[in-house]
Amino acid sequence: MSMKLIALPHRVCGLTCMINGVEDLYEQKTGVRLPERLLFYLSGMAGFVYIRNRNAPTPRMVFWGMQVAKYQYAALADVVGFTWQMVENRSFPFTLARAKEAVDHGIPPLLGALDMYHLPYYEKFYHNFHIPIHHVLMAGYDDDRQAVLVLDCDRPDVQTIPYTDLAPAWDVTIPGMGKKNTFYTFTFDDQVADVETITRKGLAKQAAAMLDAPVSMLGLKGMRKLARELPAWPEELSAEQLDISLRHLTEFTGFPPVLPPRLIGFGAPDNHAGGRDVFADLLRRLADMYGTPAWAEAAALFERSGEKLVALTDTVVDYLLKQTDTLNPAASRLAEIADLEETAWAHLAEIVV
């Protein structure tokens, strides 16, 4: 078949590309639209990860949410009621053929990571800026036009990616995060969870993961570990390693991840609350929907945490610009953030599932 397009519901919701397609598939299965950004945060995007690897290009990496798609889907699978499969690191012709086969069977694959440098409908980025973190839901293909047809979290209509652009866009390998030519498929259970069950089970699961992470690099354990270790980074790392690691820290407090304007010299987005402000807004909406005042209390704590993340980012930028010679104030902010979020997650851990 030279052309195939699966009719799908689609919600535009920026910055949720790894989850947006799963939400569309849930709506296709149930006819119910999930609350905006619900799966985004239940997948770990209100979390914390601290990675130390002296031999990596960035030897200290800090993320204020889960950034690896396969771990996000693993977190959601039992909460929502689906299984998922992954194809990765094969040749472009093989992977494209497999993705098209999935479409032929009525299963839209989620493609990514893709480099937005090669996505023609992003005029600002196309052949201008490399952003190798994007994901799209492949709703179809058109061999006559030599293109895939996709749904993108930032666009209301079906978009076209020529195979000649898809090949380099899909050639993305990021150590620890993903390999080239990766796509995911999802099979929903006969009976999937309803929205309230997803909400309660997902928040309780996320709270447990943050309060009692299995390893010291994750959750509140990781946050407190970073607070202890951050002041020693200047002694542990070379000047170049320190600069790269601190810039990474400030970039990933951003929503979306981007270096603060003071470091790049122009008006980039400057919301460096680690997405905590957006999470707080979601929790308030959920508290109203389900009559749970404790969720609103948690929201207020996450909002304060986000304010302290902004201050933390400013403090690290001061250090990078040599306006201060110590990271101790940043470490103190981290400890305060950990205290606030421990109380917030404790509120959410009390959810009755």
C-alpha atoms as a PDB file:
ATOM      1  CA  MET A   1       0.000   0.000   0.000  1.00  0.00           C
ATOM      2  CA  SER A   2       1.516   3.316  -1.055  1.00  0.00           C
ATOM      3  CA  MET A   3      -0.448   5.477   1.377  1.00  0.00           C
ATOM      4  CA  LYS A   4      -1.967   4.898   4.822  1.00  0.00           C
ATOM      5  CA  LEU A   5      -3.301   7.333   7.453  1.00  0.00           C
ATOM      6  CA  ILE A   6      -4.842   6.317  10.784  1.00  0.00           C
ATOM      7  CA  ALA A   7      -7.531   8.693  12.064  1.00  0.00           C
ATOM      8  CA  LEU A   8      -6.575   9.726  15.596  1.00  0.00           C
ATOM      9  CA  PRO A   9      -7.680  12.302  18.153  1.00  0.00           C
ATOM     10  CA  HIS A  10      -4.937  14.798  18.913  1.00  0.00           C
ATOM     11  CA  ARG A  11      -4.352  17.384  21.611  1.00  0.00           C
ATOM     12  CA  VAL A  12      -1.801  20.165  21.200  1.00  0.00           C
ATOM     13  CA  CYS A  13       0.270  20.503  24.370  1.00  0.00           C
ATOM     14  CA  GLY A  14       3.772  21.897  24.008  1.00  0.00           C
ATOM     15  CA  LEU A  15       6.835  20.356  25.669  1.00  0.00           C
ATOM     16  CA  THR A  16       5.150  16.960  26.182  1.00  0.00           C
ATOM     17  CA  CYS A  17       6.399  15.214  23.044  1.00  0.00           C
ATOM     18  CA  MET A  18       7.441  11.924  24.692  1.00  0.00           C
ATOM     19  CA  ILE A  19       3.983  11.502  26.253  1.00  0.00           C
ATOM     20  CA  ASN A  20       1.671  13.377  23.882  1.00  0.00           C
ATOM     21  CA  GLY A  21       1.269  10.432  21.522  1.00  0.00           C
ATOM     22  CA  VAL A  22       0.421   8.067  24.401  1.00  0.00           C
ATOM     23  CA  GLU A  23      -2.325  10.469  25.504  1.00  0.00           C
ATOM     24  CA  ASP A  24      -3.720  10.520  21.956  1.00  0.00           C
ATOM     25  CA  LEU A  25      -3.719   6.701  21.899  1.00  0.00           C
ATOM     26  CA  TYR A  26      -5.510   6.582  25.271  1.00  0.00           C
ATOM     27  CA  GLU A  27      -8.179   8.899  23.893  1.00  0.00           C
ATOM     28  CA  GLN A  28      -8.486   6.724  20.785  1.00  0.00           C
ATOM     29  CA  LYS A  29      -8.988   3.666  23.017  1.00  0.00           C
ATOM     30  CA  THR A  30     -11.431   5.194  25.512  1.00  0.00           C
ATOM     31  CA  GLY A  31     -12.947   8.295  23.944  1.00  0.00           C
ATOM     32  CA  VAL A  32     -11.778  10.182  27.061  1.00  0.00           C
ATOM     33  CA  ARG A  33      -9.261  13.030  27.005  1.00  0.00           C
ATOM     34  CA  LEU A  34      -6.845  12.971  29.936  1.00  0.00           C
ATOM     35  CA  PRO A  35      -6.200  16.151  31.972  1.00  0.00           C
ATOM     36  CA  GLU A  36      -3.482  18.219  30.334  1.00  0.00           C
ATOM     37  CA  ARG A  37       0.039  17.113  31.338  1.00  0.00           C
ATOM     38  CA  LEU A  38      -1.250  14.331  33.616  1.00  0.00           C
ATOM     39  CA  LEU A  39       0.779  11.514  32.022  1.00  0.00           C
ATOM     40  CA  PHE A  40       3.702  13.892  31.524  1.00  0.00           C
ATOM     41  CA  TYR A  41       4.113  14.281  35.283  1.00  0.00           C
ATOM     42  CA  LEU A  42       3.068  10.758  36.241  1.00  0.00           C
ATOM     43  CA  SER A  43       5.852   9.474  33.963  1.00  0.00           C
ATOM     44  CA  GLY A  44       8.497  11.019  36.211  1.00  0.00           C
ATOM     45  CA  MET A  45       8.773  14.596  34.988  1.00  0.00           C
ATOM     46  CA  ALA A  46       8.443  15.926  38.543  1.00  0.00           C
ATOM     47  CA  GLY A  47      11.319  13.707  39.628  1.00  0.00           C
ATOM     48  CA  PHE A  48      15.047  14.137  40.106  1.00  0.00           C
ATOM     49  CA  VAL A  49      18.148  12.441  38.677  1.00  0.00           C
ATOM     50  CA  TYR A  50      21.820  13.120  39.530  1.00  0.00           C
ATOM     51  CA  ILE A  51      24.391  11.316  37.364  1.00  0.00           C
ATOM     52  CA  ARG A  52      28.132  11.263  38.077  1.00  0.00           C
ATOM     53  CA  ASN A  53      30.497  10.028  35.364  1.00  0.00           C
ATOM     54  CA  ARG A  54      33.957  11.580  35.258  1.00  0.00           C
ATOM     55  CA  ASN A  55      34.619  10.174  31.778  1.00  0.00           C
ATOM     56  CA  ALA A  56      31.432  11.522  30.202  1.00  0.00           C
ATOM     57  CA  PRO A  57      31.462  14.768  28.164  1.00  0.00           C
ATOM     58  CA  THR A  58      29.343  16.239  30.975  1.00  0.00           C
ATOM     59  CA  PRO A  59      30.731  14.546  34.104  1.00  0.00           C
ATOM     60  CA  ARG A  60      27.947  15.810  36.401  1.00  0.00           C
ATOM     61  CA  MET A  61      24.384  15.824  35.061  1.00  0.00           C
ATOM     62  CA  VAL A  62      21.290  16.981  36.964  1.00  0.00           C
ATOM     63  CA  PHE A  63      17.734  16.523  35.705  1.00  0.00           C
ATOM     64  CA  TRP A  64      14.602  17.774  37.463  1.00  0.00           C
ATOM     65  CA  GLY A  65      12.522  15.072  35.832  1.00  0.00           C
ATOM     66  CA  MET A  66      12.905  11.798  33.965  1.00  0.00           C
ATOM     67  CA  GLN A  67      14.391  12.471  30.512  1.00  0.00           C
ATOM     68  CA  VAL A  68      14.539   8.910  29.090  1.00  0.00           C
ATOM     69  CA  ALA A  69      11.430   7.880  27.166  1.00  0.00           C
ATOM     70  CA  LYS A  70      11.623   4.141  27.829  1.00  0.00           C
ATOM     71  CA  TYR A  71      11.697   4.721  31.590  1.00  0.00           C
ATOM     72  CA  GLN A  72       8.710   7.033  31.306  1.00  0.00           C
ATOM     73  CA  TYR A  73       6.697   4.369  29.490  1.00  0.00           C
ATOM     74  CA  ALA A  74       7.769   1.753  32.024  1.00  0.00           C
ATOM     75  CA  ALA A  75       6.493   4.010  34.826  1.00  0.00           C
ATOM     76  CA  LEU A  76       3.123   4.438  33.133  1.00  0.00           C
ATOM     77  CA  ALA A  77       2.447   0.940  31.794  1.00  0.00           C
ATOM     78  CA  ASP A  78       0.832  -0.629  34.868  1.00  0.00           C
ATOM     79  CA  VAL A  79      -0.796   2.657  35.903  1.00  0.00           C
ATOM     80  CA  VAL A  80      -2.649   3.140  32.606  1.00  0.00           C
ATOM     81  CA  GLY A  81      -2.914  -0.442  31.405  1.00  0.00           C
ATOM     82  CA  PHE A  82      -0.701  -1.002  28.376  1.00  0.00           C
ATOM     83  CA  THR A  83       2.353  -2.916  27.229  1.00  0.00           C
ATOM     84  CA  TRP A  84       5.032  -1.376  25.075  1.00  0.00           C
ATOM     85  CA  GLN A  85       7.727  -2.544  22.701  1.00  0.00           C
ATOM     86  CA  MET A  86      10.812  -0.809  21.346  1.00  0.00           C
ATOM     87  CA  VAL A  87      12.866  -1.090  18.149  1.00  0.00           C
ATOM     88  CA  GLU A  88      16.240   0.666  18.237  1.00  0.00           C
ATOM     89  CA  ASN A  89      19.692   0.909  16.688  1.00  0.00           C
ATOM     90  CA  ARG A  90      18.857  -0.789  13.385  1.00  0.00           C
ATOM     91  CA  SER A  91      19.364   0.588   9.878  1.00  0.00           C
ATOM     92  CA  PHE A  92      17.078   3.340   8.625  1.00  0.00           C
ATOM     93  CA  PRO A  93      15.515   1.209   5.835  1.00  0.00           C
ATOM     94  CA  PHE A  94      14.802  -1.654   8.262  1.00  0.00           C
ATOM     95  CA  THR A  95      13.322   0.612  10.935  1.00  0.00           C
ATOM     96  CA  LEU A  96      11.186   2.592   8.506  1.00  0.00           C
ATOM     97  CA  ALA A  97       9.817  -0.648   7.063  1.00  0.00           C
ATOM     98  CA  ARG A  98       8.957  -1.922  10.553  1.00  0.00           C
ATOM     99  CA  ALA A  99       7.267   1.377  11.466  1.00  0.00           C
ATOM    100  CA  LYS A 100       5.194   1.248   8.271  1.00  0.00           C
ATOM    101  CA  GLU A 101       4.209  -2.347   9.039  1.00  0.00           C
ATOM    102  CA  ALA A 102       2.936  -1.187  12.434  1.00  0.00           C
ATOM    103  CA  VAL A 103       0.814   1.482  10.735  1.00  0.00           C
ATOM    104  CA  ASP A 104      -0.527  -1.131   8.306  1.00  0.00           C
ATOM    105  CA  HIS A 105      -1.704  -3.110  11.353  1.00  0.00           C
ATOM    106  CA  GLY A 106      -3.419  -0.042  12.818  1.00  0.00           C
ATOM    107  CA  ILE A 107      -0.730   0.582  15.459  1.00  0.00           C
ATOM    108  CA  PRO A 108       0.750   4.104  15.286  1.00  0.00           C
ATOM    109  CA  PRO A 109       4.430   3.990  16.348  1.00  0.00           C
ATOM    110  CA  LEU A 110       6.010   6.758  18.385  1.00  0.00           C
ATOM    111  CA  LEU A 111       9.260   7.872  16.733  1.00  0.00           C
ATOM    112  CA  GLY A 112      12.154   9.361  18.661  1.00  0.00           C
ATOM    113  CA  ALA A 113      14.389  10.825  19.571  1.00  0.00           C
ATOM    114  CA  LEU A 114      14.484  13.031  16.472  1.00  0.00           C
ATOM    115  CA  ASP A 115      16.703  16.039  15.804  1.00  0.00           C
ATOM    116  CA  MET A 116      14.466  19.056  15.150  1.00  0.00           C
ATOM    117  CA  TYR A 117      17.209  20.424  12.871  1.00  0.00           C
ATOM    118  CA  HIS A 118      15.792  18.105  10.196  1.00  0.00           C
ATOM    119  CA  LEU A 119      12.034  18.639  10.747  1.00  0.00           C
ATOM    120  CA  PRO A 120      10.874  20.967   7.952  1.00  0.00           C
ATOM    121  CA  TYR A 121       7.691  22.187   9.673  1.00  0.00           C
ATOM    122  CA  TYR A 122       9.805  23.730  12.457  1.00  0.00           C
ATOM    123  CA  GLU A 123      10.921  26.683  10.363  1.00  0.00           C
ATOM    124  CA  LYS A 124      12.873  28.261  13.234  1.00  0.00           C
ATOM    125  CA  PHE A 125      15.004  25.172  13.806  1.00  0.00           C
ATOM    126  CA  TYR A 126      15.118  23.564  10.342  1.00  0.00           C
ATOM    127  CA  HIS A 127      18.759  23.565   9.225  1.00  0.00           C
ATOM    128  CA  ASN A 128      19.508  26.160  11.918  1.00  0.00           C
ATOM    129  CA  PHE A 129      19.565  24.536  15.376  1.00  0.00           C
ATOM    130  CA  HIS A 130      20.206  20.960  16.505  1.00  0.00           C
ATOM    131  CA  ILE A 131      17.693  19.848  19.157  1.00  0.00           C
ATOM    132  CA  PRO A 132      17.963  16.024  19.234  1.00  0.00           C
ATOM    133  CA  ILE A 133      15.241  15.263  21.783  1.00  0.00           C
ATOM    134  CA  HIS A 134      11.917  15.391  19.907  1.00  0.00           C
ATOM    135  CA  HIS A 135       9.292  12.644  19.555  1.00  0.00           C
ATOM    136  CA  VAL A 136       6.278  12.352  17.229  1.00  0.00           C
ATOM    137  CA  LEU A 137       3.443   9.873  16.708  1.00  0.00           C
ATOM    138  CA  MET A 138       3.516   8.354  13.222  1.00  0.00           C
ATOM    139  CA  ALA A 139      -0.091   8.290  12.064  1.00  0.00           C
ATOM    140  CA  GLY A 140       0.711   7.197   8.526  1.00  0.00           C
ATOM    141  CA  TYR A 141       2.955   7.336   5.491  1.00  0.00           C
ATOM    142  CA  ASP A 142       2.761   8.285   1.816  1.00  0.00           C
ATOM    143  CA  ASP A 143       5.177   6.445  -0.463  1.00  0.00           C
ATOM    144  CA  ASP A 144       4.117   8.519  -3.459  1.00  0.00           C
ATOM    145  CA  ARG A 145       5.365  11.612  -1.611  1.00  0.00           C
ATOM    146  CA  GLN A 146       8.165   9.611   0.084  1.00  0.00           C
ATOM    147  CA  ALA A 147       7.168  10.854   3.518  1.00  0.00           C
ATOM    148  CA  VAL A 148       5.811   9.863   6.918  1.00  0.00           C
ATOM    149  CA  LEU A 149       2.723  11.558   8.316  1.00  0.00           C
ATOM    150  CA  VAL A 150       2.970  12.500  11.992  1.00  0.00           C
ATOM    151  CA  LEU A 151       1.144  14.113  14.889  1.00  0.00           C
ATOM    152  CA  ASP A 152       3.316  16.540  16.846  1.00  0.00           C
ATOM    153  CA  CYS A 153       2.581  17.921  20.326  1.00  0.00           C
ATOM    154  CA  ASP A 154       3.146  21.469  19.017  1.00  0.00           C
ATOM    155  CA  ARG A 155       0.968  21.292  15.892  1.00  0.00           C
ATOM    156  CA  PRO A 156      -2.809  20.753  15.531  1.00  0.00           C
ATOM    157  CA  ASP A 157      -2.715  19.069  12.124  1.00  0.00           C
ATOM    158  CA  VAL A 158      -0.941  16.098  10.538  1.00  0.00           C
ATOM    159  CA  GLN A 159       2.609  17.060   9.531  1.00  0.00           C
ATOM    160  CA  THR A 160       4.786  15.641   6.775  1.00  0.00           C
ATOM    161  CA  ILE A 161       8.405  14.540   7.163  1.00  0.00           C
ATOM    162  CA  PRO A 162      10.071  13.458   3.894  1.00  0.00           C
ATOM    163  CA  TYR A 163      12.114  10.274   4.164  1.00  0.00           C
ATOM    164  CA  THR A 164      15.164  12.330   3.155  1.00  0.00           C
ATOM    165  CA  ASP A 165      14.683  14.453   6.293  1.00  0.00           C
ATOM    166  CA  LEU A 166      13.579  11.611   8.543  1.00  0.00           C
ATOM    167  CA  ALA A 167      16.772   9.617   7.926  1.00  0.00           C
ATOM    168  CA  PRO A 168      19.153  12.235   9.411  1.00  0.00           C
ATOM    169  CA  ALA A 169      16.591  13.361  12.016  1.00  0.00           C
ATOM    170  CA  TRP A 170      16.336   9.787  13.319  1.00  0.00           C
ATOM    171  CA  ASP A 171      20.099   9.280  13.422  1.00  0.00           C
ATOM    172  CA  VAL A 172      20.292  10.317  17.081  1.00  0.00           C
ATOM    173  CA  THR A 173      22.330   8.459  19.698  1.00  0.00           C
ATOM    174  CA  ILE A 174      22.636  10.002  23.173  1.00  0.00           C
ATOM    175  CA  PRO A 175      24.505   7.825  25.694  1.00  0.00           C
ATOM    176  CA  GLY A 176      22.211   6.801  28.515  1.00  0.00           C
ATOM    177  CA  MET A 177      19.133   8.239  26.829  1.00  0.00           C
ATOM    178  CA  GLY A 178      18.582   6.518  23.494  1.00  0.00           C
ATOM    179  CA  LYS A 179      19.963   5.095  20.258  1.00  0.00           C
ATOM    180  CA  LYS A 180      19.423   5.877  16.597  1.00  0.00           C
ATOM    181  CA  ASN A 181      16.310   4.843  14.700  1.00  0.00           C
ATOM    182  CA  THR A 182      14.191   4.133  17.772  1.00  0.00           C
ATOM    183  CA  PHE A 183      10.434   3.758  17.848  1.00  0.00           C
ATOM    184  CA  TYR A 184       7.911   2.490  20.372  1.00  0.00           C
ATOM    185  CA  THR A 185       4.560   0.768  19.980  1.00  0.00           C
ATOM    186  CA  PHE A 186       1.817   0.490  22.595  1.00  0.00           C
ATOM    187  CA  THR A 187      -0.852  -2.169  23.092  1.00  0.00           C
ATOM    188  CA  PHE A 188      -3.623  -1.217  25.481  1.00  0.00           C
ATOM    189  CA  ASP A 189      -5.335  -3.743  27.721  1.00  0.00           C
ATOM    190  CA  ASP A 190      -8.944  -4.663  27.007  1.00  0.00           C
ATOM    191  CA  GLN A 191      -9.887  -2.644  30.093  1.00  0.00           C
ATOM    192  CA  VAL A 192      -7.652   0.353  30.742  1.00  0.00           C
ATOM    193  CA  ALA A 193      -7.755   2.435  33.908  1.00  0.00           C
ATOM    194  CA  ASP A 194     -10.115   5.390  34.180  1.00  0.00           C
ATOM    195  CA  VAL A 195      -8.773   8.897  34.742  1.00  0.00           C
ATOM    196  CA  GLU A 196      -9.267   8.980  38.514  1.00  0.00           C
ATOM    197  CA  THR A 197      -7.573   5.595  38.971  1.00  0.00           C
ATOM    198  CA  ILE A 198      -4.654   6.703  36.785  1.00  0.00           C
ATOM    199  CA  THR A 199      -4.359   9.900  38.814  1.00  0.00           C
ATOM    200  CA  ARG A 200      -4.438   8.289  42.245  1.00  0.00           C
ATOM    201  CA  LYS A 201      -2.279   5.277  41.384  1.00  0.00           C
ATOM    202  CA  GLY A 202       0.200   7.359  39.395  1.00  0.00           C
ATOM    203  CA  LEU A 203       0.699  10.026  42.068  1.00  0.00           C
ATOM    204  CA  ALA A 204       1.088   7.398  44.790  1.00  0.00           C
ATOM    205  CA  LYS A 205       3.645   5.510  42.693  1.00  0.00           C
ATOM    206  CA  GLN A 206       5.610   8.673  41.935  1.00  0.00           C
ATOM    207  CA  ALA A 207       5.561   9.690  45.609  1.00  0.00           C
ATOM    208  CA  ALA A 208       6.940   6.305  46.664  1.00  0.00           C
ATOM    209  CA  ALA A 209       9.708   6.546  44.057  1.00  0.00           C
ATOM    210  CA  MET A 210      10.726  10.027  45.221  1.00  0.00           C
ATOM    211  CA  LEU A 211      10.577   9.302  48.965  1.00  0.00           C
ATOM    212  CA  ASP A 212      12.359   5.948  48.860  1.00  0.00           C
ATOM    213  CA  ALA A 213      14.370   5.737  45.648  1.00  0.00           C
ATOM    214  CA  PRO A 214      16.191   2.424  45.090  1.00  0.00           C
ATOM    215  CA  VAL A 215      19.523   4.169  44.429  1.00  0.00           C
ATOM    216  CA  SER A 216      21.208   7.293  45.755  1.00  0.00           C
ATOM    217  CA  MET A 217      21.171   9.139  42.403  1.00  0.00           C
ATOM    218  CA  LEU A 218      17.370   9.336  42.234  1.00  0.00           C
ATOM    219  CA  GLY A 219      14.597  11.163  44.042  1.00  0.00           C
ATOM    220  CA  LEU A 220      15.122  12.942  47.327  1.00  0.00           C
ATOM    221  CA  LYS A 221      18.209  10.830  48.029  1.00  0.00           C
ATOM    222  CA  GLY A 222      19.787  12.193  44.860  1.00  0.00           C
ATOM    223  CA  MET A 223      18.753  15.758  45.682  1.00  0.00           C
ATOM    224  CA  ARG A 224      20.358  15.605  49.114  1.00  0.00           C
ATOM    225  CA  LYS A 225      23.454  13.927  47.696  1.00  0.00           C
ATOM    226  CA  LEU A 226      23.852  16.775  45.220  1.00  0.00           C
ATOM    227  CA  ALA A 227      23.409  19.328  48.023  1.00  0.00           C
ATOM    228  CA  ARG A 228      26.280  17.663  49.911  1.00  0.00           C
ATOM    229  CA  GLU A 229      28.561  17.324  46.906  1.00  0.00           C
ATOM    230  CA  LEU A 230      27.985  20.509  44.893  1.00  0.00           C
ATOM    231  CA  PRO A 231      30.409  22.723  46.906  1.00  0.00           C
ATOM    232  CA  ALA A 232      33.228  20.247  46.139  1.00  0.00           C
ATOM    233  CA  TRP A 233      32.729  20.232  42.362  1.00  0.00           C
ATOM    234  CA  PRO A 234      35.407  22.932  41.820  1.00  0.00           C
ATOM    235  CA  GLU A 235      38.021  20.688  43.486  1.00  0.00           C
ATOM    236  CA  GLU A 236      36.828  17.461  41.829  1.00  0.00           C
ATOM    237  CA  LEU A 237      36.556  18.708  38.247  1.00  0.00           C
ATOM    238  CA  SER A 238      38.763  20.545  35.795  1.00  0.00           C
ATOM    239  CA  ALA A 239      37.781  24.100  34.937  1.00  0.00           C
ATOM    240  CA  GLU A 240      36.273  22.925  31.647  1.00  0.00           C
ATOM    241  CA  GLN A 241      34.383  20.035  33.267  1.00  0.00           C
ATOM    242  CA  LEU A 242      33.060  22.336  35.975  1.00  0.00           C
ATOM    243  CA  ASP A 243      31.835  24.887  33.456  1.00  0.00           C
ATOM    244  CA  ILE A 244      30.065  22.227  31.366  1.00  0.00           C
ATOM    245  CA  SER A 245      28.472  20.589  34.414  1.00  0.00           C
ATOM    246  CA  LEU A 246      27.226  23.837  35.944  1.00  0.00           C
ATOM    247  CA  ARG A 247      25.821  24.997  32.615  1.00  0.00           C
ATOM    248  CA  HIS A 248      24.007  21.675  32.334  1.00  0.00           C
ATOM    249  CA  LEU A 249      22.580  22.194  35.817  1.00  0.00           C
ATOM    250  CA  THR A 250      21.194  25.615  34.889  1.00  0.00           C
ATOM    251  CA  GLU A 251      19.920  24.416  31.503  1.00  0.00           C
ATOM    252  CA  PHE A 252      17.850  21.600  32.984  1.00  0.00           C
ATOM    253  CA  THR A 253      16.129  23.706  35.590  1.00  0.00           C
ATOM    254  CA  GLY A 254      14.537  25.289  32.512  1.00  0.00           C
ATOM    255  CA  PHE A 255      11.085  24.420  31.218  1.00  0.00           C
ATOM    256  CA  PRO A 256      11.871  23.783  28.409  1.00  0.00           C
ATOM    257  CA  PRO A 257      15.543  22.976  29.063  1.00  0.00           C
ATOM    258  CA  VAL A 258      17.509  26.017  27.921  1.00  0.00           C
ATOM    259  CA  LEU A 259      20.412  28.028  29.292  1.00  0.00           C
ATOM    260  CA  PRO A 260      19.382  31.179  31.191  1.00  0.00           C
ATOM    261  CA  PRO A 261      19.472  34.422  29.154  1.00  0.00           C
ATOM    262  CA  ARG A 262      22.336  35.759  31.304  1.00  0.00           C
ATOM    263  CA  LEU A 263      24.544  32.955  29.943  1.00  0.00           C
ATOM    264  CA  ILE A 264      23.586  33.072  26.266  1.00  0.00           C
ATOM    265  CA  GLY A 265      23.102  36.797  25.833  1.00  0.00           C
ATOM    266  CA  PHE A 266      19.648  36.896  24.263  1.00  0.00           C
ATOM    267  CA  GLY A 267      16.032  36.525  25.273  1.00  0.00           C
ATOM    268  CA  ALA A 268      15.611  32.763  25.486  1.00  0.00           C
ATOM    269  CA  PRO A 269      12.716  31.345  27.535  1.00  0.00           C
ATOM    270  CA  ASP A 270      13.493  32.042  31.185  1.00  0.00           C
ATOM    271  CA  ASN A 271      11.326  29.756  33.286  1.00  0.00           C
ATOM    272  CA  HIS A 272      13.826  27.949  35.518  1.00  0.00           C
ATOM    273  CA  ALA A 273      11.473  26.502  38.114  1.00  0.00           C
ATOM    274  CA  GLY A 274      12.166  22.913  37.013  1.00  0.00           C
ATOM    275  CA  GLY A 275       8.557  22.542  35.893  1.00  0.00           C
ATOM    276  CA  ARG A 276       7.436  22.649  39.532  1.00  0.00           C
ATOM    277  CA  ASP A 277       5.135  25.609  38.890  1.00  0.00           C
ATOM    278  CA  VAL A 278       3.369  23.695  36.103  1.00  0.00           C
ATOM    279  CA  PHE A 279       3.115  20.600  38.314  1.00  0.00           C
ATOM    280  CA  ALA A 280       1.591  22.746  41.056  1.00  0.00           C
ATOM    281  CA  ASP A 281      -1.048  23.990  38.625  1.00  0.00           C
ATOM    282  CA  LEU A 282      -1.881  20.387  37.650  1.00  0.00           C
ATOM    283  CA  LEU A 283      -2.192  19.328  41.299  1.00  0.00           C
ATOM    284  CA  ARG A 284      -4.573  22.202  42.027  1.00  0.00           C
ATOM    285  CA  ARG A 285      -6.777  21.193  39.109  1.00  0.00           C
ATOM    286  CA  LEU A 286      -6.765  17.584  40.274  1.00  0.00           C
ATOM    287  CA  ALA A 287      -7.542  18.651  43.847  1.00  0.00           C
ATOM    288  CA  ASP A 288     -10.635  20.476  42.585  1.00  0.00           C
ATOM    289  CA  MET A 289     -11.692  17.543  40.380  1.00  0.00           C
ATOM    290  CA  TYR A 290     -11.476  14.929  43.114  1.00  0.00           C
ATOM    291  CA  GLY A 291     -11.984  16.917  46.324  1.00  0.00           C
ATOM    292  CA  THR A 292      -8.532  16.264  47.788  1.00  0.00           C
ATOM    293  CA  PRO A 293      -7.254  19.279  49.799  1.00  0.00           C
ATOM    294  CA  ALA A 294      -3.938  17.519  50.513  1.00  0.00           C
ATOM    295  CA  TRP A 295      -3.091  17.751  46.817  1.00  0.00           C
ATOM    296  CA  ALA A 296      -3.598  21.516  46.945  1.00  0.00           C
ATOM    297  CA  GLU A 297      -1.290  21.658  49.978  1.00  0.00           C
ATOM    298  CA  ALA A 298       1.319  19.719  47.997  1.00  0.00           C
ATOM    299  CA  ALA A 299       0.830  22.142  45.101  1.00  0.00           C
ATOM    300  CA  ALA A 300       1.694  25.113  47.320  1.00  0.00           C
ATOM    301  CA  LEU A 301       4.892  23.368  48.430  1.00  0.00           C
ATOM    302  CA  PHE A 302       5.923  22.578  44.847  1.00  0.00           C
ATOM    303  CA  GLU A 303       5.283  26.197  43.903  1.00  0.00           C
ATOM    304  CA  ARG A 304       7.660  27.311  46.676  1.00  0.00           C
ATOM    305  CA  SER A 305      10.146  24.689  45.533  1.00  0.00           C
ATOM    306  CA  GLY A 306       9.992  26.156  42.023  1.00  0.00           C
ATOM    307  CA  GLU A 307      10.701  29.632  43.381  1.00  0.00           C
ATOM    308  CA  LYS A 308      13.771  28.305  45.162  1.00  0.00           C
ATOM    309  CA  LEU A 309      14.869  26.556  41.951  1.00  0.00           C
ATOM    310  CA  VAL A 310      14.801  29.926  40.205  1.00  0.00           C
ATOM    311  CA  ALA A 311      16.979  31.334  42.999  1.00  0.00           C
ATOM    312  CA  LEU A 312      19.272  28.295  42.794  1.00  0.00           C
ATOM    313  CA  THR A 313      19.726  28.839  39.063  1.00  0.00           C
ATOM    314  CA  ASP A 314      20.550  32.509  39.600  1.00  0.00           C
ATOM    315  CA  THR A 315      23.128  31.566  42.234  1.00  0.00           C
ATOM    316  CA  VAL A 316      24.864  29.092  39.901  1.00  0.00           C
ATOM    317  CA  VAL A 317      24.825  31.656  37.080  1.00  0.00           C
ATOM    318  CA  ASP A 318      26.470  34.146  39.462  1.00  0.00           C
ATOM    319  CA  TYR A 319      29.243  31.606  40.033  1.00  0.00           C
ATOM    320  CA  LEU A 320      29.688  30.983  36.298  1.00  0.00           C
ATOM    321  CA  LEU A 321      29.939  34.731  35.697  1.00  0.00           C
ATOM    322  CA  LYS A 322      32.466  35.011  38.535  1.00  0.00           C
ATOM    323  CA  GLN A 323      30.179  37.208  40.608  1.00  0.00           C
ATOM    324  CA  THR A 324      30.691  34.836  43.544  1.00  0.00           C
ATOM    325  CA  ASP A 325      33.424  32.336  44.345  1.00  0.00           C
ATOM    326  CA  THR A 326      31.447  29.680  46.228  1.00  0.00           C
ATOM    327  CA  LEU A 327      28.691  27.178  45.497  1.00  0.00           C
ATOM    328  CA  ASN A 328      27.654  26.943  49.147  1.00  0.00           C
ATOM    329  CA  PRO A 329      24.552  29.151  48.685  1.00  0.00           C
ATOM    330  CA  ALA A 330      23.407  26.913  45.816  1.00  0.00           C
ATOM    331  CA  ALA A 331      23.864  23.846  48.018  1.00  0.00           C
ATOM    332  CA  SER A 332      21.772  25.485  50.736  1.00  0.00           C
ATOM    333  CA  ARG A 333      18.993  26.164  48.227  1.00  0.00           C
ATOM    334  CA  LEU A 334      19.095  22.503  47.208  1.00  0.00           C
ATOM    335  CA  ALA A 335      18.681  21.379  50.803  1.00  0.00           C
ATOM    336  CA  GLU A 336      15.689  23.700  51.208  1.00  0.00           C
ATOM    337  CA  ILE A 337      14.145  22.353  48.002  1.00  0.00           C
ATOM    338  CA  ALA A 338      14.594  18.777  49.221  1.00  0.00           C
ATOM    339  CA  ASP A 339      12.865  19.609  52.513  1.00  0.00           C
ATOM    340  CA  LEU A 340       9.903  21.224  50.749  1.00  0.00           C
ATOM    341  CA  GLU A 341       9.513  18.390  48.262  1.00  0.00           C
ATOM    342  CA  GLU A 342       9.808  15.709  50.937  1.00  0.00           C
ATOM    343  CA  THR A 343       6.792  17.224  52.680  1.00  0.00           C
ATOM    344  CA  ALA A 344       4.930  17.629  49.386  1.00  0.00           C
ATOM    345  CA  TRP A 345       5.510  14.020  48.320  1.00  0.00           C
ATOM    346  CA  ALA A 346       4.500  12.833  51.799  1.00  0.00           C
ATOM    347  CA  HIS A 347       1.113  14.487  51.196  1.00  0.00           C
ATOM    348  CA  LEU A 348       0.796  12.643  47.889  1.00  0.00           C
ATOM    349  CA  ALA A 349       1.938   9.332  49.414  1.00  0.00           C
ATOM    350  CA  GLU A 350      -1.235   9.348  51.524  1.00  0.00           C
ATOM    351  CA  ILE A 351      -3.427   8.940  48.445  1.00  0.00           C
ATOM    352  CA  VAL A 352      -6.087   6.251  48.727  1.00  0.00           C
ATOM    353  CA  VAL A 353      -5.848   4.192  45.539  1.00  0.00           C
END
